[in-house]
Amino acid sequence: MIRQIHRFVLAAVVVVLAGCAGTPFTFGQASQVKVGMTEDQLYEIMGNPYMVTSREDGQMWVYSHATAFSGAKSVSFETKDGKVTKVPYIPKDYIAKPSPDE
């Protein structure tokens, strides 16, 4: 019986971990990134990018996160010479509002 419970718990953990990909982020975090910030500041706000692509005019930092339960989302930032040159438009409806208790 204990062995079956152990296997069930292990299987549940594997399913949960397999259901996530990328770096978790919020659109609120992404909206804090501004043109002119350094790549270090971008990293401080957003964390590790899912992918960095080199381009003729700089780099594209892509953040993507997917879970089995809440779907997928992604944002990208363009950088050149260590500075953010383009940020995505994020509608205000995408940014979570604080609850009245906070």
N, C-alpha and C. Protein backbone atom coordinates (compact mmCIF):
# COMPACT_ATOMS: atom_id res chain seq x y z
N MET A 1 0.82 -1.20 0.00
CA MET A 1 0.00 0.00 0.00
C MET A 1 0.86 1.26 0.00
N ILE A 2 1.87 1.31 0.87
CA ILE A 2 2.77 2.47 0.93
C ILE A 2 3.49 2.63 -0.40
N ARG A 3 3.90 1.53 -0.99
CA ARG A 3 4.61 1.58 -2.27
C ARG A 3 3.71 2.19 -3.35
N GLN A 4 2.43 1.86 -3.36
CA GLN A 4 1.49 2.41 -4.35
C GLN A 4 1.30 3.90 -4.14
N ILE A 5 1.21 4.34 -2.91
CA ILE A 5 1.08 5.77 -2.62
C ILE A 5 2.33 6.50 -3.08
N HIS A 6 3.50 5.94 -2.81
CA HIS A 6 4.77 6.55 -3.23
C HIS A 6 4.81 6.69 -4.75
N ARG A 7 4.41 5.66 -5.47
CA ARG A 7 4.40 5.72 -6.94
C ARG A 7 3.41 6.78 -7.43
N PHE A 8 2.25 6.86 -6.81
CA PHE A 8 1.25 7.85 -7.21
C PHE A 8 1.78 9.27 -7.02
N VAL A 9 2.39 9.53 -5.86
CA VAL A 9 2.94 10.86 -5.58
C VAL A 9 4.04 11.19 -6.58
N LEU A 10 4.92 10.25 -6.85
CA LEU A 10 6.00 10.46 -7.81
C LEU A 10 5.43 10.75 -9.20
N ALA A 11 4.43 10.00 -9.61
CA ALA A 11 3.80 10.23 -10.92
C ALA A 11 3.15 11.61 -10.98
N ALA A 12 2.50 12.03 -9.91
CA ALA A 12 1.86 13.35 -9.87
C ALA A 12 2.89 14.46 -10.00
N VAL A 13 4.02 14.32 -9.32
CA VAL A 13 5.09 15.32 -9.41
C VAL A 13 5.62 15.40 -10.83
N VAL A 14 5.85 14.28 -11.47
CA VAL A 14 6.35 14.25 -12.84
C VAL A 14 5.37 14.93 -13.79
N VAL A 15 4.09 14.68 -13.63
CA VAL A 15 3.07 15.29 -14.50
C VAL A 15 3.05 16.80 -14.32
N VAL A 16 3.11 17.27 -13.09
CA VAL A 16 3.10 18.72 -12.84
C VAL A 16 4.34 19.38 -13.43
N LEU A 17 5.51 18.79 -13.22
CA LEU A 17 6.74 19.37 -13.75
C LEU A 17 6.77 19.33 -15.27
N ALA A 18 6.27 18.28 -15.86
CA ALA A 18 6.25 18.17 -17.32
C ALA A 18 5.27 19.16 -17.94
N GLY A 19 4.32 19.64 -17.18
CA GLY A 19 3.31 20.56 -17.68
C GLY A 19 3.76 22.01 -17.73
N CYS A 20 5.00 22.32 -17.36
CA CYS A 20 5.50 23.69 -17.34
C CYS A 20 6.70 23.82 -18.26
N ALA A 21 6.80 24.96 -18.94
CA ALA A 21 7.97 25.22 -19.79
C ALA A 21 8.24 26.71 -19.82
N GLY A 22 9.51 27.07 -19.88
CA GLY A 22 9.90 28.47 -19.96
C GLY A 22 10.11 29.10 -18.60
N THR A 23 10.25 30.42 -18.60
CA THR A 23 10.48 31.18 -17.37
C THR A 23 9.18 31.87 -16.96
N PRO A 24 8.68 31.61 -15.75
CA PRO A 24 7.46 32.30 -15.32
C PRO A 24 7.66 33.82 -15.28
N PHE A 25 6.69 34.57 -15.79
CA PHE A 25 6.72 36.03 -15.72
C PHE A 25 5.28 36.52 -15.73
N THR A 26 5.11 37.78 -15.37
CA THR A 26 3.79 38.41 -15.45
C THR A 26 3.85 39.54 -16.46
N PHE A 27 2.70 39.89 -17.02
CA PHE A 27 2.66 41.04 -17.92
C PHE A 27 2.95 42.32 -17.15
N GLY A 28 2.67 42.33 -15.85
CA GLY A 28 3.03 43.48 -15.02
C GLY A 28 4.54 43.69 -15.00
N GLN A 29 5.29 42.59 -14.87
CA GLN A 29 6.75 42.69 -14.93
C GLN A 29 7.18 43.23 -16.29
N ALA A 30 6.64 42.65 -17.35
CA ALA A 30 7.02 43.05 -18.70
C ALA A 30 6.74 44.53 -18.94
N SER A 31 5.66 45.05 -18.36
CA SER A 31 5.32 46.46 -18.56
C SER A 31 6.28 47.41 -17.85
N GLN A 32 7.09 46.89 -16.93
CA GLN A 32 8.07 47.72 -16.22
C GLN A 32 9.33 47.97 -17.04
N VAL A 33 9.56 47.16 -18.07
CA VAL A 33 10.75 47.31 -18.91
C VAL A 33 10.52 48.49 -19.85
N LYS A 34 11.50 49.39 -19.91
CA LYS A 34 11.39 50.60 -20.72
C LYS A 34 12.55 50.70 -21.69
N VAL A 35 12.30 51.36 -22.82
CA VAL A 35 13.36 51.62 -23.79
C VAL A 35 14.46 52.41 -23.10
N GLY A 36 15.72 52.03 -23.35
CA GLY A 36 16.86 52.71 -22.75
C GLY A 36 17.44 51.97 -21.55
N MET A 37 16.67 51.04 -20.98
CA MET A 37 17.21 50.24 -19.87
C MET A 37 18.34 49.35 -20.38
N THR A 38 19.22 48.97 -19.46
CA THR A 38 20.31 48.07 -19.83
C THR A 38 19.80 46.62 -19.86
N GLU A 39 20.58 45.76 -20.50
CA GLU A 39 20.24 44.34 -20.49
C GLU A 39 20.24 43.79 -19.06
N ASP A 40 21.12 44.32 -18.21
CA ASP A 40 21.13 43.89 -16.80
C ASP A 40 19.81 44.24 -16.11
N GLN A 41 19.28 45.43 -16.40
CA GLN A 41 18.00 45.83 -15.82
C GLN A 41 16.86 44.95 -16.35
N LEU A 42 16.91 44.65 -17.64
CA LEU A 42 15.92 43.74 -18.24
C LEU A 42 15.97 42.39 -17.54
N TYR A 43 17.18 41.88 -17.32
CA TYR A 43 17.36 40.60 -16.64
C TYR A 43 16.84 40.65 -15.21
N GLU A 44 17.10 41.76 -14.51
CA GLU A 44 16.63 41.90 -13.12
C GLU A 44 15.11 41.84 -13.03
N ILE A 45 14.43 42.44 -14.00
CA ILE A 45 12.96 42.46 -13.98
C ILE A 45 12.37 41.14 -14.46
N MET A 46 12.90 40.61 -15.55
CA MET A 46 12.27 39.47 -16.22
C MET A 46 12.91 38.12 -15.93
N GLY A 47 14.16 38.10 -15.50
CA GLY A 47 14.84 36.82 -15.29
C GLY A 47 15.46 36.29 -16.56
N ASN A 48 15.77 35.00 -16.57
CA ASN A 48 16.40 34.37 -17.74
C ASN A 48 15.43 34.32 -18.92
N PRO A 49 15.87 34.77 -20.09
CA PRO A 49 15.00 34.65 -21.25
C PRO A 49 14.90 33.19 -21.69
N TYR A 50 13.80 32.86 -22.32
CA TYR A 50 13.61 31.53 -22.88
C TYR A 50 14.57 31.33 -24.05
N MET A 51 14.80 32.43 -24.81
CA MET A 51 15.66 32.36 -25.98
C MET A 51 16.18 33.76 -26.29
N VAL A 52 17.43 33.83 -26.75
CA VAL A 52 18.01 35.08 -27.25
C VAL A 52 18.43 34.82 -28.69
N THR A 53 17.92 35.64 -29.60
CA THR A 53 18.22 35.48 -31.02
C THR A 53 19.04 36.66 -31.50
N SER A 54 20.16 36.38 -32.17
CA SER A 54 20.97 37.45 -32.76
C SER A 54 20.36 37.88 -34.07
N ARG A 55 20.36 39.19 -34.27
CA ARG A 55 19.83 39.77 -35.50
C ARG A 55 20.83 40.79 -36.01
N GLU A 56 20.65 41.23 -37.25
CA GLU A 56 21.55 42.23 -37.82
C GLU A 56 21.60 43.49 -36.97
N ASP A 57 20.45 43.90 -36.47
CA ASP A 57 20.35 45.16 -35.73
C ASP A 57 20.32 44.96 -34.21
N GLY A 58 20.84 43.83 -33.71
CA GLY A 58 20.89 43.62 -32.27
C GLY A 58 20.45 42.21 -31.88
N GLN A 59 19.74 42.13 -30.78
CA GLN A 59 19.27 40.85 -30.28
C GLN A 59 17.79 40.93 -29.94
N MET A 60 17.14 39.78 -29.95
CA MET A 60 15.75 39.66 -29.52
C MET A 60 15.74 38.74 -28.31
N TRP A 61 15.30 39.27 -27.16
CA TRP A 61 15.16 38.48 -25.94
C TRP A 61 13.71 38.03 -25.87
N VAL A 62 13.49 36.73 -25.88
CA VAL A 62 12.14 36.18 -25.89
C VAL A 62 11.86 35.50 -24.55
N TYR A 63 10.75 35.86 -23.96
CA TYR A 63 10.28 35.24 -22.72
C TYR A 63 8.99 34.50 -23.05
N SER A 64 8.95 33.24 -22.71
CA SER A 64 7.79 32.42 -23.00
C SER A 64 7.53 31.51 -21.81
N HIS A 65 6.27 31.33 -21.48
CA HIS A 65 5.93 30.44 -20.37
C HIS A 65 4.63 29.74 -20.70
N ALA A 66 4.61 28.45 -20.47
CA ALA A 66 3.42 27.66 -20.72
C ALA A 66 3.20 26.67 -19.59
N THR A 67 1.95 26.48 -19.24
CA THR A 67 1.60 25.45 -18.27
C THR A 67 0.43 24.65 -18.82
N ALA A 68 0.27 23.48 -18.30
CA ALA A 68 -0.83 22.64 -18.73
C ALA A 68 -2.18 23.21 -18.28
N PHE A 69 -2.16 24.07 -17.28
CA PHE A 69 -3.40 24.56 -16.69
C PHE A 69 -3.83 25.94 -17.17
N SER A 70 -2.87 26.82 -17.45
CA SER A 70 -3.25 28.20 -17.78
C SER A 70 -2.86 28.63 -19.19
N GLY A 71 -2.40 27.74 -20.02
CA GLY A 71 -2.06 28.11 -21.39
C GLY A 71 -0.67 28.68 -21.51
N ALA A 72 -0.43 29.43 -22.59
CA ALA A 72 0.90 29.96 -22.89
C ALA A 72 0.85 31.47 -23.08
N LYS A 73 1.98 32.11 -22.81
CA LYS A 73 2.12 33.54 -23.07
C LYS A 73 3.58 33.80 -23.42
N SER A 74 3.82 34.86 -24.18
CA SER A 74 5.20 35.23 -24.50
C SER A 74 5.28 36.72 -24.78
N VAL A 75 6.46 37.26 -24.54
CA VAL A 75 6.79 38.65 -24.87
C VAL A 75 8.22 38.67 -25.36
N SER A 76 8.56 39.68 -26.15
CA SER A 76 9.94 39.80 -26.62
C SER A 76 10.38 41.26 -26.55
N PHE A 77 11.68 41.43 -26.35
CA PHE A 77 12.29 42.75 -26.23
C PHE A 77 13.47 42.81 -27.19
N GLU A 78 13.61 43.91 -27.91
CA GLU A 78 14.76 44.09 -28.79
C GLU A 78 15.83 44.88 -28.05
N THR A 79 17.09 44.45 -28.21
CA THR A 79 18.21 45.15 -27.60
C THR A 79 19.30 45.40 -28.64
N LYS A 80 20.07 46.44 -28.39
CA LYS A 80 21.22 46.74 -29.24
C LYS A 80 22.26 47.43 -28.38
N ASP A 81 23.51 47.00 -28.51
CA ASP A 81 24.62 47.57 -27.75
C ASP A 81 24.32 47.59 -26.25
N GLY A 82 23.69 46.53 -25.76
CA GLY A 82 23.45 46.40 -24.32
C GLY A 82 22.27 47.19 -23.77
N LYS A 83 21.47 47.80 -24.66
CA LYS A 83 20.32 48.60 -24.22
C LYS A 83 19.04 48.10 -24.88
N VAL A 84 17.93 48.22 -24.16
CA VAL A 84 16.62 47.87 -24.71
C VAL A 84 16.22 48.94 -25.72
N THR A 85 15.87 48.51 -26.95
CA THR A 85 15.49 49.46 -27.99
C THR A 85 14.02 49.38 -28.37
N LYS A 86 13.36 48.27 -28.03
CA LYS A 86 11.94 48.13 -28.35
C LYS A 86 11.29 47.21 -27.33
N VAL A 87 10.12 47.65 -26.84
CA VAL A 87 9.36 46.86 -25.86
C VAL A 87 8.00 46.54 -26.45
N PRO A 88 7.37 45.46 -26.00
CA PRO A 88 6.06 45.12 -26.54
C PRO A 88 4.96 46.01 -25.96
N TYR A 89 3.90 46.18 -26.72
CA TYR A 89 2.71 46.86 -26.20
C TYR A 89 1.94 45.84 -25.37
N ILE A 90 1.63 46.20 -24.15
CA ILE A 90 0.87 45.31 -23.27
C ILE A 90 -0.40 46.03 -22.84
N PRO A 91 -1.56 45.55 -23.27
CA PRO A 91 -2.82 46.20 -22.88
C PRO A 91 -2.99 46.21 -21.36
N LYS A 92 -3.58 47.26 -20.85
CA LYS A 92 -3.79 47.38 -19.40
C LYS A 92 -4.61 46.22 -18.84
N ASP A 93 -5.50 45.67 -19.65
CA ASP A 93 -6.32 44.53 -19.20
C ASP A 93 -5.48 43.29 -18.89
N TYR A 94 -4.27 43.21 -19.45
CA TYR A 94 -3.40 42.06 -19.23
C TYR A 94 -2.65 42.15 -17.91
N ILE A 95 -2.60 43.35 -17.34
CA ILE A 95 -1.84 43.56 -16.10
C ILE A 95 -2.78 43.35 -14.92
N ALA A 96 -2.41 42.42 -14.06
CA ALA A 96 -3.25 42.08 -12.91
C ALA A 96 -3.38 43.28 -11.98
N LYS A 97 -4.60 43.51 -11.53
CA LYS A 97 -4.85 44.59 -10.57
C LYS A 97 -4.74 44.03 -9.16
N PRO A 98 -4.18 44.81 -8.23
CA PRO A 98 -4.09 44.32 -6.85
C PRO A 98 -5.48 44.14 -6.25
N SER A 99 -5.60 43.15 -5.40
CA SER A 99 -6.89 42.93 -4.74
C SER A 99 -7.12 44.01 -3.69
N PRO A 100 -8.36 44.28 -3.31
CA PRO A 100 -8.65 45.32 -2.32
C PRO A 100 -7.99 45.05 -0.96
N ASP A 101 -7.66 43.79 -0.69
CA ASP A 101 -7.04 43.43 0.59
C ASP A 101 -5.57 43.81 0.66
N GLU A 102 -4.96 44.11 -0.49
CA GLU A 102 -3.51 44.41 -0.49
C GLU A 102 -3.24 45.86 -0.24
